[in-house]
C-alpha atoms as a PDB file:
ATOM      1  CA  MET A   1     -68.660  67.277 -11.367  1.00  0.00           C
ATOM      2  CA  ASP A   2     -70.014  64.000 -13.179  1.00  0.00           C
ATOM      3  CA  SER A   3     -69.001  61.144 -11.122  1.00  0.00           C
ATOM      4  CA  SER A   4     -70.631  58.338 -13.106  1.00  0.00           C
ATOM      5  CA  ASN A   5     -67.140  57.009 -14.044  1.00  0.00           C
ATOM      6  CA  TYR A   6     -65.761  56.959 -10.450  1.00  0.00           C
ATOM      7  CA  ALA A   7     -66.518  54.780  -7.524  1.00  0.00           C
ATOM      8  CA  MET A   8     -65.199  54.463  -4.228  1.00  0.00           C
ATOM      9  CA  VAL A   9     -63.862  51.188  -2.194  1.00  0.00           C
ATOM     10  CA  VAL A  10     -66.291  50.459   0.404  1.00  0.00           C
ATOM     11  CA  ASN A  11     -65.636  47.319   2.632  1.00  0.00           C
ATOM     12  CA  PRO A  12     -68.470  46.183   5.244  1.00  0.00           C
ATOM     13  CA  ASN A  13     -65.699  46.329   7.771  1.00  0.00           C
ATOM     14  CA  PRO A  14     -63.661  49.526   7.237  1.00  0.00           C
ATOM     15  CA  ALA A  15     -60.589  48.011   8.776  1.00  0.00           C
ATOM     16  CA  ASP A  16     -60.517  45.561   5.867  1.00  0.00           C
ATOM     17  CA  ARG A  17     -58.803  46.014   2.534  1.00  0.00           C
ATOM     18  CA  LEU A  18     -60.065  45.216  -1.075  1.00  0.00           C
ATOM     19  CA  HIS A  19     -57.823  43.546  -3.392  1.00  0.00           C
ATOM     20  CA  LEU A  20     -56.783  45.041  -6.820  1.00  0.00           C
ATOM     21  CA  ARG A  21     -56.648  41.790  -8.883  1.00  0.00           C
ATOM     22  CA  GLU A  22     -54.288  41.677 -11.873  1.00  0.00           C
ATOM     23  CA  ARG A  23     -57.192  39.757 -13.562  1.00  0.00           C
ATOM     24  CA  ALA A  24     -61.035  39.561 -13.034  1.00  0.00           C
ATOM     25  CA  ASP A  25     -60.650  36.523 -10.787  1.00  0.00           C
ATOM     26  CA  LYS A  26     -60.244  35.862  -6.953  1.00  0.00           C
ATOM     27  CA  GLY A  27     -57.255  33.657  -7.817  1.00  0.00           C
ATOM     28  CA  SER A  28     -55.395  36.260  -9.565  1.00  0.00           C
ATOM     29  CA  GLN A  29     -52.286  38.005  -7.991  1.00  0.00           C
ATOM     30  CA  SER A  30     -52.897  40.745  -5.837  1.00  0.00           C
ATOM     31  CA  GLN A  31     -51.337  44.280  -6.775  1.00  0.00           C
ATOM     32  CA  GLY A  32     -52.219  45.679  -3.514  1.00  0.00           C
ATOM     33  CA  LYS A  33     -54.996  46.116  -0.711  1.00  0.00           C
ATOM     34  CA  TYR A  34     -56.852  49.335  -0.698  1.00  0.00           C
ATOM     35  CA  TYR A  35     -58.852  50.936   2.321  1.00  0.00           C
ATOM     36  CA  THR A  36     -62.546  51.775   2.356  1.00  0.00           C
ATOM     37  CA  GLY A  37     -62.836  55.598   0.793  1.00  0.00           C
ATOM     38  CA  ALA A  38     -60.191  54.929  -2.055  1.00  0.00           C
ATOM     39  CA  PRO A  39     -61.401  56.721  -4.858  1.00  0.00           C
ATOM     40  CA  VAL A  40     -60.919  54.889  -8.354  1.00  0.00           C
ATOM     41  CA  CYS A  41     -61.773  55.827 -12.059  1.00  0.00           C
ATOM     42  CA  VAL A  42     -64.235  53.095 -13.713  1.00  0.00           C
ATOM     43  CA  SER A  43     -62.733  51.667 -16.851  1.00  0.00           C
ATOM     44  CA  ALA A  44     -65.292  48.860 -17.353  1.00  0.00           C
ATOM     45  CA  ARG A  45     -67.998  46.760 -15.655  1.00  0.00           C
ATOM     46  CA  ASP A  46     -68.280  43.092 -16.392  1.00  0.00           C
ATOM     47  CA  GLY A  47     -70.413  40.843 -14.180  1.00  0.00           C
ATOM     48  CA  GLU A  48     -69.134  40.831 -10.710  1.00  0.00           C
ATOM     49  CA  TRP A  49     -66.009  42.562 -11.443  1.00  0.00           C
ATOM     50  CA  THR A  50     -64.859  46.164 -12.477  1.00  0.00           C
ATOM     51  CA  GLN A  51     -61.860  47.175 -14.267  1.00  0.00           C
ATOM     52  CA  VAL A  52     -60.488  50.274 -12.309  1.00  0.00           C
ATOM     53  CA  ILE A  53     -57.731  52.882 -12.370  1.00  0.00           C
ATOM     54  CA  PHE A  54     -55.848  54.450  -9.478  1.00  0.00           C
ATOM     55  CA  GLY A  55     -53.620  57.332  -9.929  1.00  0.00           C
ATOM     56  CA  ASP A  56     -52.703  60.628 -12.064  1.00  0.00           C
ATOM     57  CA  TRP A  57     -51.101  60.916 -15.176  1.00  0.00           C
ATOM     58  CA  ARG A  58     -47.503  59.910 -13.479  1.00  0.00           C
ATOM     59  CA  THR A  59     -48.690  56.949 -11.573  1.00  0.00           C
ATOM     60  CA  TRP A  60     -51.456  54.795 -13.396  1.00  0.00           C
ATOM     61  CA  SER A  61     -52.265  51.554 -11.802  1.00  0.00           C
ATOM     62  CA  TYR A  62     -55.236  49.517 -12.927  1.00  0.00           C
ATOM     63  CA  GLY A  63     -56.649  46.433 -12.204  1.00  0.00           C
ATOM     64  CA  TYR A  64     -59.709  44.510 -11.144  1.00  0.00           C
ATOM     65  CA  MET A  65     -62.110  45.014  -7.849  1.00  0.00           C
ATOM     66  CA  MET A  66     -65.066  43.167  -7.045  1.00  0.00           C
ATOM     67  CA  LYS A  67     -68.399  45.109  -7.801  1.00  0.00           C
ATOM     68  CA  ARG A  68     -70.092  44.563  -4.552  1.00  0.00           C
ATOM     69  CA  TYR A  69     -67.299  46.410  -2.749  1.00  0.00           C
ATOM     70  CA  LEU A  70     -67.277  49.620  -4.560  1.00  0.00           C
ATOM     71  CA  SER A  71     -69.926  52.459  -4.400  1.00  0.00           C
ATOM     72  CA  PHE A  72     -70.439  54.004  -7.663  1.00  0.00           C
ATOM     73  CA  GLY A  73     -70.928  57.581  -8.675  1.00  0.00           C
ATOM     74  CA  GLN A  74     -74.068  59.210 -10.171  1.00  0.00           C
ATOM     75  CA  ALA A  75     -74.363  61.223 -13.512  1.00  0.00           C
ATOM     76  CA  ASP A  76     -74.305  64.791 -13.071  1.00  0.00           C
ATOM     77  CA  SER A  77     -73.540  64.563  -9.394  1.00  0.00           C
ATOM     78  CA  ALA A  78     -70.485  64.681  -7.177  1.00  0.00           C
ATOM     79  CA  LEU A  79     -69.266  61.513  -5.439  1.00  0.00           C
ATOM     80  CA  HIS A  80     -69.135  62.036  -1.596  1.00  0.00           C
ATOM     81  CA  LEU A  81     -65.746  60.415  -0.508  1.00  0.00           C
ATOM     82  CA  ASP A  82     -65.421  59.170   2.913  1.00  0.00           C
ATOM     83  CA  ILE A  83     -61.759  59.345   3.753  1.00  0.00           C
ATOM     84  CA  THR A  84     -62.164  58.383   7.490  1.00  0.00           C
ATOM     85  CA  ALA A  85     -60.919  55.003   7.061  1.00  0.00           C
ATOM     86  CA  MET A  86     -57.868  55.638   5.442  1.00  0.00           C
ATOM     87  CA  PRO A  87     -54.693  55.991   7.815  1.00  0.00           C
ATOM     88  CA  GLN A  88     -53.019  59.345   8.220  1.00  0.00           C
ATOM     89  CA  LEU A  89     -49.276  58.816   8.501  1.00  0.00           C
ATOM     90  CA  PHE A  90     -46.219  61.560   8.723  1.00  0.00           C
ATOM     91  CA  SER A  91     -42.681  61.470   7.503  1.00  0.00           C
ATOM     92  CA  LYS A  92     -40.138  60.004   9.932  1.00  0.00           C
ATOM     93  CA  GLY A  93     -37.168  62.113   8.679  1.00  0.00           C
ATOM     94  CA  GLY A  94     -38.271  65.757   9.005  1.00  0.00           C
ATOM     95  CA  GLU A  95     -39.295  68.053   6.318  1.00  0.00           C
ATOM     96  CA  MET A  96     -39.110  66.327   3.088  1.00  0.00           C
ATOM     97  CA  LEU A  97     -40.764  63.243   1.838  1.00  0.00           C
ATOM     98  CA  LYS A  98     -39.890  61.013  -1.134  1.00  0.00           C
ATOM     99  CA  VAL A  99     -43.190  60.224  -3.265  1.00  0.00           C
ATOM    100  CA  TYR A 100     -42.226  57.676  -6.044  1.00  0.00           C
ATOM    101  CA  ASP A 101     -44.039  57.198  -9.457  1.00  0.00           C
ATOM    102  CA  GLU A 102     -43.784  53.374  -9.144  1.00  0.00           C
ATOM    103  CA  ALA A 103     -43.852  50.936  -6.094  1.00  0.00           C
ATOM    104  CA  GLN A 104     -40.608  49.209  -5.616  1.00  0.00           C
ATOM    105  CA  ALA A 105     -38.676  52.128  -7.364  1.00  0.00           C
ATOM    106  CA  VAL A 106     -35.340  53.427  -6.637  1.00  0.00           C
ATOM    107  CA  SER A 107     -35.586  56.606  -8.922  1.00  0.00           C
ATOM    108  CA  GLY A 108     -38.403  58.424 -10.333  1.00  0.00           C
ATOM    109  CA  TYR A 109     -39.606  60.412  -7.263  1.00  0.00           C
ATOM    110  CA  THR A 110     -40.610  63.818  -6.196  1.00  0.00           C
ATOM    111  CA  TYR A 111     -40.001  65.685  -2.990  1.00  0.00           C
ATOM    112  CA  HIS A 112     -43.130  66.742  -0.907  1.00  0.00           C
ATOM    113  CA  HIS A 113     -43.015  69.326   1.749  1.00  0.00           C
ATOM    114  CA  SER A 114     -44.283  68.646   5.225  1.00  0.00           C
ATOM    115  CA  GLU A 115     -47.519  70.927   4.663  1.00  0.00           C
ATOM    116  CA  ASP A 116     -48.065  68.588   1.633  1.00  0.00           C
ATOM    117  CA  HIS A 117     -47.954  65.233   3.309  1.00  0.00           C
ATOM    118  CA  ASN A 118     -49.631  66.450   6.399  1.00  0.00           C
ATOM    119  CA  THR A 119     -52.773  65.928   4.189  1.00  0.00           C
ATOM    120  CA  MET A 120     -51.536  62.733   2.710  1.00  0.00           C
ATOM    121  CA  LYS A 121     -53.844  59.248   2.989  1.00  0.00           C
ATOM    122  CA  VAL A 122     -52.734  55.985   2.691  1.00  0.00           C
ATOM    123  CA  ILE A 123     -55.148  54.438   0.199  1.00  0.00           C
ATOM    124  CA  GLY A 124     -53.548  51.104   0.028  1.00  0.00           C
ATOM    125  CA  ILE A 125     -50.769  48.757   0.791  1.00  0.00           C
ATOM    126  CA  ILE A 126     -48.346  47.194  -1.923  1.00  0.00           C
ATOM    127  CA  GLU A 127     -47.002  44.015  -0.803  1.00  0.00           C
ATOM    128  CA  ASN A 128     -45.417  44.768   2.860  1.00  0.00           C
ATOM    129  CA  ASP A 129     -42.937  47.473   1.685  1.00  0.00           C
ATOM    130  CA  TRP A 130     -44.827  50.127   0.110  1.00  0.00           C
ATOM    131  CA  TYR A 131     -48.099  52.557   0.781  1.00  0.00           C
ATOM    132  CA  HIS A 132     -50.032  53.684  -2.374  1.00  0.00           C
ATOM    133  CA  VAL A 133     -50.671  57.101  -1.293  1.00  0.00           C
ATOM    134  CA  TRP A 134     -53.299  60.108  -2.426  1.00  0.00           C
ATOM    135  CA  PHE A 135     -53.122  64.006  -1.638  1.00  0.00           C
ATOM    136  CA  PRO A 136     -56.721  64.775  -1.827  1.00  0.00           C
ATOM    137  CA  ALA A 137     -55.722  68.481  -1.918  1.00  0.00           C
ATOM    138  CA  THR A 138     -54.049  68.215  -5.264  1.00  0.00           C
ATOM    139  CA  GLY A 139     -55.232  64.885  -6.427  1.00  0.00           C
ATOM    140  CA  GLU A 140     -51.850  63.637  -6.776  1.00  0.00           C
ATOM    141  CA  TYR A 141     -50.980  59.804  -6.330  1.00  0.00           C
ATOM    142  CA  GLY A 142     -47.703  58.042  -5.432  1.00  0.00           C
ATOM    143  CA  TYR A 143     -46.009  55.584  -3.643  1.00  0.00           C
ATOM    144  CA  VAL A 144     -43.995  55.858  -0.399  1.00  0.00           C
ATOM    145  CA  ARG A 145     -41.583  53.463   1.511  1.00  0.00           C
ATOM    146  CA  GLN A 146     -43.323  52.186   4.577  1.00  0.00           C
ATOM    147  CA  SER A 147     -40.018  52.507   6.397  1.00  0.00           C
ATOM    148  CA  ASP A 148     -40.056  56.397   5.649  1.00  0.00           C
ATOM    149  CA  LEU A 149     -43.458  57.201   7.618  1.00  0.00           C
ATOM    150  CA  TRP A 150     -44.628  56.730  11.166  1.00  0.00           C
ATOM    151  CA  PRO A 151     -48.309  56.354  12.377  1.00  0.00           C
ATOM    152  CA  GLY A 152     -50.160  59.342  12.890  1.00  0.00           C
ATOM    153  CA  ASN A 153     -53.550  60.142  14.460  1.00  0.00           C
ATOM    154  CA  GLY A 154     -55.839  58.926  12.375  1.00  0.00           C
END
């Protein structure tokens, strides 16, 4: 896979999270905070900022991240993701988990079975109510209410 259009969030302290900004400006509103290991598609690079895209065809989310906190892929090679810093969380309510197309949504969701969300990784936190999640096995993205999950073992 040619990964030259991809990057991975890399913070010096993996417990920290990187802001996804609305504009290429530290004072711009944060659209969420993302963990080390979160994969992003690179849309444009300009100075110390990179325009990035998270998500799949249902859940596009884009903004700007500081270039110094991203590890960029190389042409004609694979980007080696390190997903160990992303929390592993599990559903509180049993077998099915609602995964929404947008944060703050009340509709536009799909159900994921327990075997699907057992591999789900939290890539970011949107405000204090939502998680931006990624399913590495399928490449799908979505949003889950924090209240629907409980901490796992990782």
